[in-house]
């Protein structure tokens, strides 16, 4: 079984991503850092048992030898999705058996090592670096001890209420998610393009991230 780990805003720059989330939620993005294996950096916000990530290429970091995760190497894709309002484009689910999950679902990628500060994990990244199944599937990861970072993040009272996967391939997405058994799983709705929407409750009210 897979557990929802976090949702990810894919931003052309980290500054743009942080500004969008802070305006949408009325909360600052706290924490985060650099991923030396991927040449990216991020900022984070706890949403109860999961968290929100804003991630972008780190212009100060050297490019990795392999493709970066989440399709970030395709700057035209990232910018086009951003300008179209499809900013919440990725989601990640954690497992205790990444090797077994990838053996059963090889299209989701190959396991690579990643780190941020002292925290390390293995994560599935397709060889071409693009979003798994166009974003209809989560990015799979397996945390090394001490496990997921969410419990160590400051709690500002924000909570993920629900999230929706919009896609023109509704039947395929539903079958895929049934096979993966992510908990909690997104509601799948028909949409013109694949993207995510999330409803977040904060101390100032209920907000939507797109």
N, C-alpha and C. Protein backbone atom coordinates (compact mmCIF):
# COMPACT_ATOMS: atom_id res chain seq x y z
N UNK A 1 0.84 -1.19 0.00
CA UNK A 1 0.00 0.00 0.00
C UNK A 1 0.88 1.25 0.00
N UNK A 2 0.41 2.28 -0.65
CA UNK A 2 1.13 3.54 -0.74
C UNK A 2 0.41 4.60 0.10
N UNK A 3 1.17 5.46 0.73
CA UNK A 3 0.61 6.57 1.50
C UNK A 3 0.99 7.88 0.83
N UNK A 4 0.03 8.77 0.68
CA UNK A 4 0.33 10.09 0.14
C UNK A 4 1.39 10.75 1.01
N UNK A 5 2.46 11.21 0.38
CA UNK A 5 3.56 11.83 1.11
C UNK A 5 3.51 13.35 0.99
N UNK A 6 3.43 13.84 -0.25
CA UNK A 6 3.35 15.29 -0.43
C UNK A 6 2.86 15.66 -1.82
N UNK A 7 2.44 16.90 -1.96
CA UNK A 7 2.05 17.49 -3.23
C UNK A 7 3.12 18.49 -3.64
N UNK A 8 3.31 18.67 -4.95
CA UNK A 8 4.41 19.52 -5.41
C UNK A 8 3.96 20.54 -6.44
N UNK A 9 4.31 21.78 -6.17
CA UNK A 9 4.19 22.88 -7.12
C UNK A 9 5.46 22.91 -7.95
N UNK A 10 5.33 22.79 -9.28
CA UNK A 10 6.49 22.86 -10.17
C UNK A 10 6.61 24.29 -10.68
N UNK A 11 7.67 24.96 -10.30
CA UNK A 11 7.80 26.39 -10.58
C UNK A 11 8.96 26.69 -11.52
N UNK A 12 8.80 27.68 -12.40
CA UNK A 12 9.93 28.11 -13.24
C UNK A 12 11.10 28.60 -12.40
N UNK A 13 10.80 29.28 -11.29
CA UNK A 13 11.82 29.67 -10.31
C UNK A 13 11.23 29.46 -8.92
N UNK A 14 12.10 29.24 -7.96
CA UNK A 14 11.62 29.03 -6.60
C UNK A 14 10.88 30.26 -6.09
N UNK A 15 11.36 31.44 -6.46
CA UNK A 15 10.73 32.67 -5.99
C UNK A 15 9.29 32.79 -6.49
N UNK A 16 9.06 32.44 -7.75
CA UNK A 16 7.70 32.48 -8.30
C UNK A 16 6.79 31.50 -7.57
N UNK A 17 7.30 30.31 -7.33
CA UNK A 17 6.49 29.30 -6.66
C UNK A 17 6.12 29.68 -5.25
N UNK A 18 7.10 30.19 -4.50
CA UNK A 18 6.84 30.60 -3.12
C UNK A 18 5.83 31.75 -3.08
N UNK A 19 5.99 32.73 -3.96
CA UNK A 19 5.07 33.86 -4.00
C UNK A 19 3.64 33.41 -4.28
N UNK A 20 3.48 32.44 -5.20
CA UNK A 20 2.14 31.94 -5.52
C UNK A 20 1.49 31.27 -4.31
N UNK A 21 2.22 30.39 -3.66
CA UNK A 21 1.64 29.66 -2.52
C UNK A 21 1.34 30.60 -1.37
N UNK A 22 2.24 31.51 -1.08
CA UNK A 22 2.01 32.42 0.05
C UNK A 22 0.80 33.32 -0.20
N UNK A 23 0.60 33.72 -1.46
CA UNK A 23 -0.58 34.53 -1.79
C UNK A 23 -1.85 33.69 -1.71
N UNK A 24 -1.78 32.43 -2.15
CA UNK A 24 -2.96 31.57 -2.18
C UNK A 24 -3.39 31.12 -0.78
N UNK A 25 -2.43 30.83 0.09
CA UNK A 25 -2.74 30.29 1.41
C UNK A 25 -2.63 31.31 2.54
N UNK A 26 -1.94 32.41 2.29
CA UNK A 26 -1.73 33.37 3.36
C UNK A 26 -0.76 32.87 4.42
N UNK A 27 0.10 31.92 4.05
CA UNK A 27 1.08 31.35 4.96
C UNK A 27 2.45 31.38 4.30
N UNK A 28 3.48 31.58 5.09
CA UNK A 28 4.82 31.56 4.54
C UNK A 28 5.28 30.12 4.33
N UNK A 29 6.17 29.95 3.37
CA UNK A 29 6.79 28.64 3.14
C UNK A 29 8.03 28.56 4.01
N UNK A 30 8.10 27.53 4.86
CA UNK A 30 9.19 27.41 5.82
C UNK A 30 10.00 26.16 5.52
N UNK A 31 11.30 26.24 5.74
CA UNK A 31 12.14 25.06 5.56
C UNK A 31 12.44 24.78 4.11
N UNK A 32 13.03 23.61 3.88
CA UNK A 32 13.45 23.25 2.54
C UNK A 32 14.95 23.37 2.41
N UNK A 33 15.44 23.20 1.17
CA UNK A 33 16.87 23.25 0.94
C UNK A 33 17.20 22.78 -0.46
N UNK A 34 18.40 22.28 -0.64
CA UNK A 34 18.90 21.89 -1.96
C UNK A 34 19.01 20.37 -2.06
N UNK A 35 18.85 19.87 -3.30
CA UNK A 35 18.99 18.46 -3.61
C UNK A 35 20.20 18.31 -4.54
N UNK A 36 21.38 18.05 -4.00
CA UNK A 36 22.59 18.05 -4.83
C UNK A 36 22.58 17.02 -5.95
N UNK A 37 21.91 15.88 -5.75
CA UNK A 37 21.87 14.85 -6.80
C UNK A 37 20.99 15.25 -7.97
N UNK A 38 20.11 16.23 -7.77
CA UNK A 38 19.14 16.60 -8.79
C UNK A 38 19.32 18.03 -9.31
N UNK A 39 20.13 18.83 -8.65
CA UNK A 39 20.30 20.21 -9.08
C UNK A 39 19.04 21.04 -8.90
N UNK A 40 18.29 20.76 -7.84
CA UNK A 40 17.05 21.49 -7.56
C UNK A 40 17.06 21.99 -6.12
N UNK A 41 16.11 22.87 -5.82
CA UNK A 41 15.92 23.31 -4.44
C UNK A 41 14.44 23.50 -4.19
N UNK A 42 14.05 23.57 -2.90
CA UNK A 42 12.63 23.62 -2.58
C UNK A 42 12.35 24.42 -1.32
N UNK A 43 11.05 24.67 -1.11
CA UNK A 43 10.52 25.20 0.14
C UNK A 43 9.30 24.36 0.50
N UNK A 44 8.98 24.29 1.80
CA UNK A 44 7.99 23.34 2.28
C UNK A 44 6.97 24.02 3.19
N UNK A 45 5.79 23.39 3.30
CA UNK A 45 4.75 23.82 4.24
C UNK A 45 3.98 22.58 4.67
N UNK A 46 3.89 22.34 5.95
CA UNK A 46 3.16 21.19 6.47
C UNK A 46 1.66 21.40 6.29
N UNK A 47 0.99 20.32 5.87
CA UNK A 47 -0.47 20.32 5.72
C UNK A 47 -1.04 19.13 6.48
N UNK A 48 -0.83 19.11 7.78
CA UNK A 48 -1.30 17.98 8.58
C UNK A 48 -0.33 16.81 8.49
N UNK A 49 -0.83 15.66 8.00
CA UNK A 49 0.00 14.46 7.90
C UNK A 49 0.81 14.41 6.60
N UNK A 50 0.60 15.38 5.72
CA UNK A 50 1.35 15.46 4.46
C UNK A 50 1.93 16.87 4.38
N UNK A 51 2.63 17.15 3.29
CA UNK A 51 3.18 18.49 3.15
C UNK A 51 3.14 18.95 1.70
N UNK A 52 3.28 20.24 1.54
CA UNK A 52 3.32 20.88 0.24
C UNK A 52 4.76 21.28 -0.06
N UNK A 53 5.18 21.03 -1.28
CA UNK A 53 6.52 21.40 -1.71
C UNK A 53 6.44 22.34 -2.90
N UNK A 54 7.25 23.38 -2.89
CA UNK A 54 7.51 24.18 -4.09
C UNK A 54 8.92 23.79 -4.53
N UNK A 55 9.07 23.37 -5.79
CA UNK A 55 10.35 22.89 -6.26
C UNK A 55 10.69 23.51 -7.61
N UNK A 56 11.96 23.79 -7.82
CA UNK A 56 12.44 24.41 -9.06
C UNK A 56 13.91 24.05 -9.25
N UNK A 57 14.39 24.25 -10.46
CA UNK A 57 15.81 24.09 -10.72
C UNK A 57 16.59 25.12 -9.90
N UNK A 58 17.69 24.68 -9.31
CA UNK A 58 18.57 25.58 -8.56
C UNK A 58 19.60 26.15 -9.54
N UNK A 59 19.52 27.43 -9.86
CA UNK A 59 20.45 28.00 -10.85
C UNK A 59 21.90 28.01 -10.39
N UNK A 60 22.12 27.84 -9.10
CA UNK A 60 23.49 27.85 -8.58
C UNK A 60 24.11 26.45 -8.56
N UNK A 61 23.32 25.42 -8.88
CA UNK A 61 23.80 24.04 -8.79
C UNK A 61 24.19 23.51 -10.16
N UNK A 62 25.20 22.64 -10.24
CA UNK A 62 25.52 22.01 -11.51
C UNK A 62 24.42 21.05 -11.94
N UNK A 63 24.24 20.87 -13.23
CA UNK A 63 23.24 19.94 -13.73
C UNK A 63 23.69 18.51 -13.44
N UNK A 64 22.76 17.64 -13.05
CA UNK A 64 23.13 16.24 -12.79
C UNK A 64 23.43 15.50 -14.09
N UNK A 65 24.02 14.32 -13.96
CA UNK A 65 24.36 13.51 -15.13
C UNK A 65 23.12 12.87 -15.74
N UNK A 66 22.06 12.76 -14.96
CA UNK A 66 20.80 12.18 -15.43
C UNK A 66 19.74 13.27 -15.51
N UNK A 67 18.59 12.93 -16.04
CA UNK A 67 17.49 13.89 -16.11
C UNK A 67 16.96 14.19 -14.71
N UNK A 68 16.61 15.45 -14.49
CA UNK A 68 16.01 15.81 -13.21
C UNK A 68 14.60 15.22 -13.08
N UNK A 69 14.12 15.18 -11.83
CA UNK A 69 12.77 14.68 -11.57
C UNK A 69 11.71 15.71 -11.96
N UNK A 70 10.44 15.23 -12.00
CA UNK A 70 9.25 16.06 -12.21
C UNK A 70 9.22 16.82 -13.53
N UNK A 71 10.04 16.40 -14.50
CA UNK A 71 10.03 17.10 -15.79
C UNK A 71 10.64 18.48 -15.76
N UNK A 72 11.42 18.80 -14.73
CA UNK A 72 11.93 20.16 -14.57
C UNK A 72 12.96 20.54 -15.63
N UNK A 73 13.60 19.56 -16.26
CA UNK A 73 14.56 19.90 -17.31
C UNK A 73 13.88 20.51 -18.54
N UNK A 74 12.61 20.25 -18.71
CA UNK A 74 11.87 20.80 -19.85
C UNK A 74 11.31 22.16 -19.43
N UNK A 75 12.12 23.18 -19.54
CA UNK A 75 11.73 24.50 -19.06
C UNK A 75 10.52 25.06 -19.80
N UNK A 76 10.38 24.70 -21.09
CA UNK A 76 9.22 25.16 -21.85
C UNK A 76 7.94 24.54 -21.30
N UNK A 77 8.00 23.26 -20.94
CA UNK A 77 6.85 22.58 -20.33
C UNK A 77 6.48 23.23 -19.00
N UNK A 78 7.48 23.44 -18.15
CA UNK A 78 7.21 24.02 -16.83
C UNK A 78 6.60 25.41 -16.96
N UNK A 79 7.16 26.23 -17.85
CA UNK A 79 6.64 27.59 -18.02
C UNK A 79 5.24 27.58 -18.61
N UNK A 80 4.99 26.71 -19.60
CA UNK A 80 3.67 26.66 -20.22
C UNK A 80 2.61 26.20 -19.21
N UNK A 81 2.93 25.19 -18.41
CA UNK A 81 1.98 24.74 -17.39
C UNK A 81 1.75 25.83 -16.36
N UNK A 82 2.80 26.51 -15.97
CA UNK A 82 2.69 27.58 -14.98
C UNK A 82 1.78 28.70 -15.50
N UNK A 83 2.03 29.14 -16.72
CA UNK A 83 1.25 30.24 -17.28
C UNK A 83 -0.20 29.85 -17.52
N UNK A 84 -0.46 28.54 -17.71
CA UNK A 84 -1.83 28.06 -17.89
C UNK A 84 -2.55 27.85 -16.57
N UNK A 85 -1.86 28.09 -15.45
CA UNK A 85 -2.48 27.91 -14.14
C UNK A 85 -2.42 26.49 -13.62
N UNK A 86 -1.65 25.63 -14.32
CA UNK A 86 -1.50 24.24 -13.85
C UNK A 86 -0.16 24.17 -13.11
N UNK A 87 -0.19 24.57 -11.86
CA UNK A 87 1.04 24.72 -11.08
C UNK A 87 1.23 23.57 -10.09
N UNK A 88 0.13 23.05 -9.59
CA UNK A 88 0.18 21.87 -8.71
C UNK A 88 0.15 20.65 -9.63
N UNK A 89 1.32 20.20 -10.07
CA UNK A 89 1.39 19.20 -11.14
C UNK A 89 1.90 17.85 -10.70
N UNK A 90 2.46 17.75 -9.50
CA UNK A 90 3.07 16.49 -9.10
C UNK A 90 2.64 16.10 -7.69
N UNK A 91 2.68 14.81 -7.45
CA UNK A 91 2.38 14.28 -6.12
C UNK A 91 3.25 13.07 -5.89
N UNK A 92 3.55 12.81 -4.63
CA UNK A 92 4.46 11.73 -4.27
C UNK A 92 3.80 10.84 -3.23
N UNK A 93 4.05 9.54 -3.36
CA UNK A 93 3.53 8.56 -2.40
C UNK A 93 4.69 7.71 -1.90
N UNK A 94 4.68 7.43 -0.62
CA UNK A 94 5.79 6.67 -0.04
C UNK A 94 5.41 5.19 0.13
N UNK A 95 6.44 4.39 0.10
CA UNK A 95 6.30 2.95 0.23
C UNK A 95 7.45 2.41 1.07
N UNK A 96 7.27 1.23 1.65
CA UNK A 96 8.35 0.55 2.35
C UNK A 96 9.04 -0.46 1.44
N UNK A 97 8.59 -0.57 0.20
CA UNK A 97 9.16 -1.54 -0.74
C UNK A 97 9.21 -0.93 -2.13
N UNK A 98 10.10 0.03 -2.32
CA UNK A 98 10.19 0.70 -3.60
C UNK A 98 10.60 -0.28 -4.70
N UNK A 99 11.53 -1.16 -4.43
CA UNK A 99 11.98 -2.12 -5.44
C UNK A 99 10.83 -3.00 -5.91
N UNK A 100 10.02 -3.46 -4.98
CA UNK A 100 8.88 -4.29 -5.34
C UNK A 100 7.84 -3.54 -6.14
N UNK A 101 7.58 -2.29 -5.75
CA UNK A 101 6.60 -1.49 -6.47
C UNK A 101 7.07 -1.22 -7.90
N UNK A 102 8.35 -0.96 -8.08
CA UNK A 102 8.84 -0.66 -9.43
C UNK A 102 8.93 -1.93 -10.28
N UNK A 103 9.12 -3.07 -9.65
CA UNK A 103 9.08 -4.32 -10.40
C UNK A 103 7.68 -4.57 -10.93
N UNK A 104 6.67 -4.20 -10.13
CA UNK A 104 5.28 -4.38 -10.54
C UNK A 104 4.81 -3.29 -11.48
N UNK A 105 5.42 -2.10 -11.39
CA UNK A 105 5.00 -0.95 -12.20
C UNK A 105 6.23 -0.27 -12.79
N UNK A 106 6.90 -0.90 -13.73
CA UNK A 106 8.18 -0.38 -14.25
C UNK A 106 8.06 0.95 -14.98
N UNK A 107 6.88 1.31 -15.46
CA UNK A 107 6.75 2.59 -16.16
C UNK A 107 6.89 3.78 -15.22
N UNK A 108 6.86 3.54 -13.92
CA UNK A 108 6.95 4.65 -12.97
C UNK A 108 8.38 5.11 -12.75
N UNK A 109 9.36 4.39 -13.30
CA UNK A 109 10.73 4.88 -13.25
C UNK A 109 11.70 3.91 -12.64
N UNK A 110 12.89 4.41 -12.44
CA UNK A 110 13.97 3.65 -11.79
C UNK A 110 14.34 4.35 -10.51
N UNK A 111 14.84 3.61 -9.54
CA UNK A 111 15.16 4.17 -8.23
C UNK A 111 16.49 4.90 -8.26
N UNK A 112 16.48 6.16 -7.82
CA UNK A 112 17.69 6.96 -7.70
C UNK A 112 17.82 7.44 -6.25
N UNK A 113 19.04 7.69 -5.84
CA UNK A 113 19.29 8.24 -4.52
C UNK A 113 19.13 9.75 -4.55
N UNK A 114 18.59 10.30 -3.46
CA UNK A 114 18.43 11.75 -3.34
C UNK A 114 18.63 12.14 -1.89
N UNK A 115 18.91 13.43 -1.68
CA UNK A 115 19.11 13.91 -0.32
C UNK A 115 18.79 15.40 -0.24
N UNK A 116 18.50 15.82 0.96
CA UNK A 116 18.37 17.24 1.30
C UNK A 116 18.89 17.39 2.71
N UNK A 117 20.05 18.02 2.84
CA UNK A 117 20.69 18.07 4.14
C UNK A 117 21.05 16.66 4.61
N UNK A 118 20.69 16.32 5.85
CA UNK A 118 21.01 15.01 6.39
C UNK A 118 19.97 13.95 6.04
N UNK A 119 18.86 14.36 5.43
CA UNK A 119 17.79 13.41 5.13
C UNK A 119 18.02 12.79 3.77
N UNK A 120 17.84 11.46 3.66
CA UNK A 120 18.09 10.74 2.41
C UNK A 120 16.91 9.83 2.08
N UNK A 121 16.78 9.53 0.80
CA UNK A 121 15.71 8.64 0.36
C UNK A 121 16.03 8.11 -1.03
N UNK A 122 15.24 7.12 -1.47
CA UNK A 122 15.28 6.64 -2.84
C UNK A 122 13.98 7.03 -3.51
N UNK A 123 14.06 7.41 -4.76
CA UNK A 123 12.89 7.92 -5.46
C UNK A 123 12.86 7.41 -6.88
N UNK A 124 11.68 7.13 -7.38
CA UNK A 124 11.51 6.63 -8.75
C UNK A 124 11.45 7.80 -9.73
N UNK A 125 12.33 7.79 -10.70
CA UNK A 125 12.37 8.83 -11.72
C UNK A 125 12.41 8.16 -13.08
N UNK A 126 11.44 8.42 -13.96
CA UNK A 126 11.53 7.88 -15.33
C UNK A 126 12.84 8.30 -15.99
N UNK A 127 13.33 7.46 -16.90
CA UNK A 127 14.61 7.74 -17.55
C UNK A 127 14.59 9.10 -18.25
N UNK A 128 13.43 9.47 -18.84
CA UNK A 128 13.34 10.76 -19.52
C UNK A 128 13.06 11.91 -18.56
N UNK A 129 12.92 11.62 -17.27
CA UNK A 129 12.71 12.65 -16.26
C UNK A 129 11.31 13.21 -16.18
N UNK A 130 10.42 12.77 -17.04
CA UNK A 130 9.08 13.36 -17.07
C UNK A 130 8.21 12.84 -15.93
N UNK A 131 7.08 13.48 -15.72
CA UNK A 131 6.15 13.04 -14.69
C UNK A 131 5.67 11.63 -15.00
N UNK A 132 5.59 10.74 -14.01
CA UNK A 132 5.15 9.38 -14.27
C UNK A 132 3.70 9.36 -14.77
N UNK A 133 3.53 8.65 -15.89
CA UNK A 133 2.20 8.55 -16.51
C UNK A 133 1.59 9.93 -16.74
N UNK A 134 2.43 10.90 -17.11
CA UNK A 134 1.95 12.24 -17.39
C UNK A 134 1.40 12.98 -16.20
N UNK A 135 1.68 12.48 -15.00
CA UNK A 135 1.14 13.09 -13.78
C UNK A 135 -0.07 12.36 -13.24
N UNK A 136 -0.56 11.34 -13.95
CA UNK A 136 -1.68 10.55 -13.46
C UNK A 136 -1.28 9.61 -12.34
N UNK A 137 0.02 9.32 -12.24
CA UNK A 137 0.54 8.47 -11.17
C UNK A 137 1.42 9.29 -10.25
N UNK A 138 1.50 8.89 -9.00
CA UNK A 138 2.41 9.60 -8.10
C UNK A 138 3.85 9.20 -8.35
N UNK A 139 4.76 10.06 -7.95
CA UNK A 139 6.17 9.70 -7.87
C UNK A 139 6.36 8.87 -6.61
N UNK A 140 6.94 7.68 -6.77
CA UNK A 140 7.12 6.79 -5.62
C UNK A 140 8.46 7.05 -4.94
N UNK A 141 8.46 6.98 -3.62
CA UNK A 141 9.71 7.17 -2.88
C UNK A 141 9.71 6.30 -1.64
N UNK A 142 10.91 6.06 -1.15
CA UNK A 142 11.10 5.32 0.09
C UNK A 142 12.10 6.07 0.95
N UNK A 143 11.64 6.54 2.10
CA UNK A 143 12.50 7.32 2.99
C UNK A 143 13.46 6.41 3.75
N UNK A 144 14.69 6.85 3.89
CA UNK A 144 15.61 6.20 4.81
C UNK A 144 15.28 6.65 6.22
N UNK A 145 15.73 5.91 7.26
CA UNK A 145 15.52 6.36 8.63
C UNK A 145 16.08 7.78 8.80
N UNK A 146 15.37 8.64 9.51
CA UNK A 146 14.27 8.39 10.43
C UNK A 146 12.88 8.42 9.80
N UNK A 147 12.76 8.38 8.49
CA UNK A 147 11.46 8.34 7.86
C UNK A 147 11.02 9.68 7.32
N UNK A 148 9.71 9.83 7.03
CA UNK A 148 9.20 11.06 6.42
C UNK A 148 9.50 12.28 7.28
N UNK A 149 9.75 13.43 6.64
CA UNK A 149 10.12 14.63 7.40
C UNK A 149 8.94 15.39 7.98
N UNK A 150 7.71 15.04 7.59
CA UNK A 150 6.57 15.90 7.92
C UNK A 150 6.41 16.09 9.42
N UNK A 151 6.69 15.06 10.22
CA UNK A 151 6.50 15.17 11.66
C UNK A 151 7.44 16.16 12.31
N UNK A 152 8.56 16.46 11.65
CA UNK A 152 9.53 17.42 12.20
C UNK A 152 9.27 18.85 11.73
N UNK A 153 8.28 19.04 10.86
CA UNK A 153 7.99 20.37 10.33
C UNK A 153 7.10 21.15 11.31
N UNK A 154 7.24 22.46 11.36
CA UNK A 154 6.35 23.25 12.21
C UNK A 154 4.91 23.15 11.75
N UNK A 155 3.99 23.09 12.70
CA UNK A 155 2.57 22.95 12.39
C UNK A 155 1.89 24.30 12.59
N UNK A 156 1.45 24.90 11.47
CA UNK A 156 0.79 26.20 11.52
C UNK A 156 -0.72 26.08 11.51
N UNK A 157 -1.24 24.85 11.60
CA UNK A 157 -2.68 24.65 11.58
C UNK A 157 -3.27 24.45 10.21
N UNK A 158 -2.45 24.39 9.17
CA UNK A 158 -2.95 24.14 7.82
C UNK A 158 -3.15 22.64 7.62
N UNK A 159 -4.21 22.28 6.89
CA UNK A 159 -4.54 20.88 6.67
C UNK A 159 -4.99 20.68 5.23
N UNK A 160 -4.55 19.58 4.62
CA UNK A 160 -5.08 19.19 3.32
C UNK A 160 -6.46 18.58 3.54
N UNK A 161 -7.47 19.19 2.95
CA UNK A 161 -8.84 18.69 3.07
C UNK A 161 -9.12 17.62 2.02
N UNK A 162 -8.74 17.88 0.78
CA UNK A 162 -8.97 16.95 -0.32
C UNK A 162 -8.10 17.35 -1.49
N UNK A 163 -7.93 16.40 -2.43
CA UNK A 163 -7.23 16.74 -3.67
C UNK A 163 -7.85 15.98 -4.81
N UNK A 164 -7.78 16.59 -5.99
CA UNK A 164 -8.45 16.08 -7.18
C UNK A 164 -7.44 15.97 -8.30
N UNK A 165 -7.50 14.87 -9.03
CA UNK A 165 -6.71 14.70 -10.25
C UNK A 165 -7.63 14.92 -11.43
N UNK A 166 -7.34 15.92 -12.23
CA UNK A 166 -8.10 16.18 -13.45
C UNK A 166 -7.30 15.66 -14.64
N UNK A 167 -7.96 14.94 -15.53
CA UNK A 167 -7.28 14.38 -16.69
C UNK A 167 -8.28 14.03 -17.78
N UNK A 168 -7.88 14.10 -19.04
CA UNK A 168 -8.76 13.62 -20.11
C UNK A 168 -8.82 12.11 -20.16
N UNK A 169 -7.92 11.42 -19.46
CA UNK A 169 -7.85 9.96 -19.47
C UNK A 169 -8.39 9.40 -18.16
N UNK A 170 -9.66 9.65 -17.89
CA UNK A 170 -10.25 9.31 -16.60
C UNK A 170 -10.20 7.81 -16.33
N UNK A 171 -10.61 7.00 -17.28
CA UNK A 171 -10.69 5.56 -17.06
C UNK A 171 -9.30 4.98 -16.79
N UNK A 172 -8.32 5.41 -17.58
CA UNK A 172 -6.96 4.89 -17.38
C UNK A 172 -6.41 5.32 -16.03
N UNK A 173 -6.67 6.56 -15.65
CA UNK A 173 -6.18 7.05 -14.36
C UNK A 173 -6.83 6.30 -13.21
N UNK A 174 -8.12 6.05 -13.28
CA UNK A 174 -8.80 5.32 -12.21
C UNK A 174 -8.28 3.90 -12.08
N UNK A 175 -8.04 3.24 -13.22
CA UNK A 175 -7.51 1.88 -13.17
C UNK A 175 -6.10 1.86 -12.57
N UNK A 176 -5.29 2.83 -12.95
CA UNK A 176 -3.94 2.92 -12.44
C UNK A 176 -3.94 3.15 -10.93
N UNK A 177 -4.77 4.07 -10.47
CA UNK A 177 -4.80 4.38 -9.06
C UNK A 177 -5.38 3.24 -8.23
N UNK A 178 -6.31 2.50 -8.81
CA UNK A 178 -6.85 1.33 -8.12
C UNK A 178 -5.74 0.29 -7.93
N UNK A 179 -4.88 0.13 -8.94
CA UNK A 179 -3.78 -0.83 -8.85
C UNK A 179 -2.73 -0.38 -7.83
N UNK A 180 -2.49 0.92 -7.75
CA UNK A 180 -1.48 1.44 -6.83
C UNK A 180 -1.98 1.53 -5.39
N UNK A 181 -3.28 1.75 -5.20
CA UNK A 181 -3.89 1.81 -3.87
C UNK A 181 -3.23 2.86 -2.98
N UNK A 182 -3.22 4.11 -3.46
CA UNK A 182 -2.69 5.22 -2.67
C UNK A 182 -3.72 5.64 -1.63
N UNK A 183 -3.28 5.89 -0.41
CA UNK A 183 -4.18 6.35 0.66
C UNK A 183 -3.66 7.66 1.25
N UNK A 184 -4.46 8.71 1.29
CA UNK A 184 -5.76 8.84 0.61
C UNK A 184 -5.54 9.06 -0.89
N UNK A 185 -6.47 8.55 -1.67
CA UNK A 185 -6.37 8.66 -3.11
C UNK A 185 -7.12 9.90 -3.59
N UNK A 186 -6.67 10.52 -4.69
CA UNK A 186 -7.40 11.69 -5.19
C UNK A 186 -8.70 11.29 -5.85
N UNK A 187 -9.65 12.20 -5.81
CA UNK A 187 -10.83 12.06 -6.67
C UNK A 187 -10.37 12.31 -8.10
N UNK A 188 -10.83 11.49 -9.04
CA UNK A 188 -10.46 11.65 -10.44
C UNK A 188 -11.63 12.26 -11.19
N UNK A 189 -11.36 13.37 -11.87
CA UNK A 189 -12.39 14.05 -12.67
C UNK A 189 -11.87 14.27 -14.08
N UNK A 190 -12.80 14.38 -15.00
CA UNK A 190 -12.42 14.66 -16.38
C UNK A 190 -12.02 16.12 -16.53
N UNK A 191 -10.93 16.36 -17.23
CA UNK A 191 -10.46 17.71 -17.48
C UNK A 191 -9.78 17.78 -18.83
N UNK A 192 -9.58 18.97 -19.31
CA UNK A 192 -8.97 19.15 -20.63
C UNK A 192 -7.49 18.79 -20.62
N UNK A 193 -6.84 18.90 -19.47
CA UNK A 193 -5.41 18.58 -19.33
C UNK A 193 -5.20 17.95 -17.96
N UNK A 194 -4.12 17.21 -17.83
CA UNK A 194 -3.82 16.57 -16.55
C UNK A 194 -3.22 17.57 -15.58
N UNK A 195 -3.82 17.66 -14.42
CA UNK A 195 -3.33 18.56 -13.38
C UNK A 195 -3.95 18.16 -12.05
N UNK A 196 -3.57 18.83 -10.99
CA UNK A 196 -4.09 18.58 -9.65
C UNK A 196 -4.73 19.84 -9.09
N UNK A 197 -5.69 19.64 -8.21
CA UNK A 197 -6.27 20.71 -7.42
C UNK A 197 -6.32 20.24 -5.97
N UNK A 198 -6.03 21.13 -5.05
CA UNK A 198 -6.05 20.77 -3.64
C UNK A 198 -6.81 21.80 -2.84
N UNK A 199 -7.63 21.33 -1.92
CA UNK A 199 -8.35 22.20 -0.99
C UNK A 199 -7.60 22.15 0.33
N UNK A 200 -7.20 23.31 0.81
CA UNK A 200 -6.40 23.42 2.03
C UNK A 200 -7.12 24.32 3.02
N UNK A 201 -7.27 23.85 4.25
CA UNK A 201 -7.85 24.66 5.32
C UNK A 201 -6.72 25.25 6.15
N UNK A 202 -6.77 26.55 6.37
CA UNK A 202 -5.79 27.24 7.19
C UNK A 202 -6.52 28.01 8.29
N UNK A 203 -5.81 28.57 9.25
CA UNK A 203 -6.48 29.37 10.26
C UNK A 203 -7.28 30.55 9.71
N UNK A 204 -7.02 30.97 8.46
CA UNK A 204 -7.74 32.10 7.88
C UNK A 204 -8.87 31.67 6.96
N UNK A 205 -9.06 30.37 6.76
CA UNK A 205 -10.16 29.91 5.91
C UNK A 205 -9.75 28.77 5.02
N UNK A 206 -10.62 28.47 4.04
CA UNK A 206 -10.39 27.37 3.10
C UNK A 206 -9.94 27.95 1.77
N UNK A 207 -8.87 27.40 1.21
CA UNK A 207 -8.27 27.91 -0.01
C UNK A 207 -8.04 26.77 -0.99
N UNK A 208 -7.86 27.12 -2.26
CA UNK A 208 -7.60 26.13 -3.29
C UNK A 208 -6.25 26.40 -3.94
N UNK A 209 -5.50 25.35 -4.13
CA UNK A 209 -4.25 25.41 -4.89
C UNK A 209 -4.46 24.71 -6.21
N UNK A 210 -4.00 25.31 -7.29
CA UNK A 210 -4.14 24.70 -8.62
C UNK A 210 -2.78 24.69 -9.32
